[in-house]
C-alpha atoms as a PDB file:
ATOM      1  CA  MET A   1     112.209  74.866  64.136  1.00  0.00           C
ATOM      2  CA  TYR A   2     111.852  74.256  60.390  1.00  0.00           C
ATOM      3  CA  HIS A   3     113.314  70.549  60.810  1.00  0.00           C
ATOM      4  CA  ASN A   4     110.983  69.505  63.356  1.00  0.00           C
ATOM      5  CA  LEU A   5     108.099  70.803  61.495  1.00  0.00           C
ATOM      6  CA  GLY A   6     109.369  69.017  58.400  1.00  0.00           C
ATOM      7  CA  ARG A   7     109.741  65.894  60.455  1.00  0.00           C
ATOM      8  CA  VAL A   8     106.038  66.315  61.772  1.00  0.00           C
ATOM      9  CA  GLU A   9     104.862  66.783  58.018  1.00  0.00           C
ATOM     10  CA  TYR A  10     106.812  63.774  56.891  1.00  0.00           C
ATOM     11  CA  GLU A  11     105.279  61.578  59.582  1.00  0.00           C
ATOM     12  CA  LEU A  12     101.865  62.826  58.547  1.00  0.00           C
ATOM     13  CA  LYS A  13     102.839  61.805  54.922  1.00  0.00           C
ATOM     14  CA  GLU A  14     102.453  65.421  53.653  1.00  0.00           C
ATOM     15  CA  TYR A  15     105.533  65.045  51.542  1.00  0.00           C
ATOM     16  CA  GLN A  16     104.980  68.284  49.520  1.00  0.00           C
ATOM     17  CA  LYS A  17     104.941  70.306  52.541  1.00  0.00           C
ATOM     18  CA  SER A  18     107.763  68.409  54.167  1.00  0.00           C
ATOM     19  CA  ILE A  19     109.883  69.179  51.129  1.00  0.00           C
ATOM     20  CA  GLN A  20     109.206  72.794  51.267  1.00  0.00           C
ATOM     21  CA  THR A  21     109.719  73.058  54.973  1.00  0.00           C
ATOM     22  CA  PHE A  22     113.374  71.035  54.827  1.00  0.00           C
ATOM     23  CA  ARG A  23     114.157  73.237  51.967  1.00  0.00           C
ATOM     24  CA  LYS A  24     113.897  76.381  54.244  1.00  0.00           C
ATOM     25  CA  VAL A  25     116.294  74.876  56.741  1.00  0.00           C
ATOM     26  CA  PHE A  26     119.045  75.117  54.007  1.00  0.00           C
ATOM     27  CA  THR A  27     118.203  79.020  53.744  1.00  0.00           C
ATOM     28  CA  LEU A  28     119.191  79.577  57.253  1.00  0.00           C
ATOM     29  CA  ASN A  29     122.833  80.831  58.162  1.00  0.00           C
ATOM     30  CA  ASP A  30     122.344  80.847  61.909  1.00  0.00           C
ATOM     31  CA  ILE A  31     121.832  77.148  62.635  1.00  0.00           C
ATOM     32  CA  LYS A  32     123.996  76.333  65.746  1.00  0.00           C
ATOM     33  CA  GLU A  33     123.244  72.644  65.935  1.00  0.00           C
ATOM     34  CA  ASP A  34     125.434  70.491  63.619  1.00  0.00           C
ATOM     35  CA  TRP A  35     123.120  67.614  63.190  1.00  0.00           C
ATOM     36  CA  ILE A  36     120.244  69.795  61.769  1.00  0.00           C
ATOM     37  CA  LYS A  37     121.411  70.042  58.110  1.00  0.00           C
ATOM     38  CA  PRO A  38     122.601  66.493  57.428  1.00  0.00           C
ATOM     39  CA  TRP A  39     119.326  65.295  59.174  1.00  0.00           C
ATOM     40  CA  SER A  40     117.071  67.533  57.013  1.00  0.00           C
ATOM     41  CA  HIS A  41     118.986  66.357  53.970  1.00  0.00           C
ATOM     42  CA  TYR A  42     118.030  62.664  55.130  1.00  0.00           C
ATOM     43  CA  TYR A  43     114.427  63.290  55.625  1.00  0.00           C
ATOM     44  CA  LEU A  44     114.202  65.352  52.529  1.00  0.00           C
ATOM     45  CA  ALA A  45     115.658  62.233  50.651  1.00  0.00           C
ATOM     46  CA  ASN A  46     113.073  60.197  52.323  1.00  0.00           C
ATOM     47  CA  CYS A  47     110.255  62.467  51.158  1.00  0.00           C
ATOM     48  CA  TYR A  48     111.452  62.123  47.417  1.00  0.00           C
ATOM     49  CA  ARG A  49     111.820  58.481  47.847  1.00  0.00           C
ATOM     50  CA  ASP A  50     108.406  58.286  49.271  1.00  0.00           C
ATOM     51  CA  ILE A  51     106.853  60.003  46.319  1.00  0.00           C
ATOM     52  CA  GLY A  52     108.810  58.109  43.669  1.00  0.00           C
ATOM     53  CA  GLU A  53     111.545  60.731  42.814  1.00  0.00           C
ATOM     54  CA  THR A  54     114.380  58.185  43.304  1.00  0.00           C
ATOM     55  CA  GLU A  55     117.055  60.375  41.591  1.00  0.00           C
ATOM     56  CA  LYS A  56     116.381  63.386  43.867  1.00  0.00           C
ATOM     57  CA  ALA A  57     116.280  61.110  46.929  1.00  0.00           C
ATOM     58  CA  LYS A  58     119.724  59.692  45.993  1.00  0.00           C
ATOM     59  CA  GLN A  59     121.211  63.185  45.455  1.00  0.00           C
ATOM     60  CA  GLU A  60     119.921  64.200  49.099  1.00  0.00           C
ATOM     61  CA  TYR A  61     121.302  60.994  50.492  1.00  0.00           C
ATOM     62  CA  ASP A  62     124.728  61.696  48.879  1.00  0.00           C
ATOM     63  CA  ILE A  63     124.854  65.266  50.411  1.00  0.00           C
ATOM     64  CA  ALA A  64     123.828  63.929  53.933  1.00  0.00           C
ATOM     65  CA  TYR A  65     126.435  61.078  53.659  1.00  0.00           C
ATOM     66  CA  GLU A  66     129.093  63.741  53.343  1.00  0.00           C
ATOM     67  CA  TYR A  67     128.546  65.176  56.988  1.00  0.00           C
ATOM     68  CA  ASP A  68     130.913  63.303  59.363  1.00  0.00           C
ATOM     69  CA  ASP A  69     128.062  61.607  61.193  1.00  0.00           C
ATOM     70  CA  ASN A  70     128.293  57.756  61.509  1.00  0.00           C
ATOM     71  CA  THR A  71     124.609  57.301  62.664  1.00  0.00           C
ATOM     72  CA  ILE A  72     123.361  59.066  59.673  1.00  0.00           C
ATOM     73  CA  ARG A  73     125.729  57.129  57.478  1.00  0.00           C
ATOM     74  CA  SER A  74     124.271  53.832  58.650  1.00  0.00           C
ATOM     75  CA  ASP A  75     120.629  55.021  58.089  1.00  0.00           C
ATOM     76  CA  ILE A  76     121.424  56.278  54.614  1.00  0.00           C
ATOM     77  CA  ASP A  77     123.035  52.763  53.665  1.00  0.00           C
ATOM     78  CA  LYS A  78     119.949  51.109  54.721  1.00  0.00           C
ATOM     79  CA  ALA A  79     117.651  53.623  52.824  1.00  0.00           C
ATOM     80  CA  ARG A  80     119.766  53.448  49.829  1.00  0.00           C
ATOM     81  CA  SER A  81     119.458  49.626  49.884  1.00  0.00           C
ATOM     82  CA  GLY A  82     115.825  50.178  49.448  1.00  0.00           C
ATOM     83  CA  LEU A  83     116.289  52.297  46.213  1.00  0.00           C
ATOM     84  CA  GLU A  84     118.330  49.640  44.298  1.00  0.00           C
END
C-alpha cells in the first residue's frame, strides 16, 4: 500500500510526501512481495535526486542495488549515470 501511494506522490512531484511514504515501507515487517523494498529504495532515491540531494540518492541506489534484481540494477545504472 505505501509503495503504491509513494509512487503516486512521486509522479505528482510531491517529493517530500513521497519520501515520507517510502520511509514507512521500511518500517513494515510483514511485506510478502520481495520486490517492494528494493523498488521503494529506488523511488526514494529518485525523489532525493529530483530535489537535489545527490548523496542521499546515491545511498538509496546503493541499497536497492544490493537486492538480487537485474531489472532494478539496470534502472539504477541508468539513474546513476545522470548523477555523475
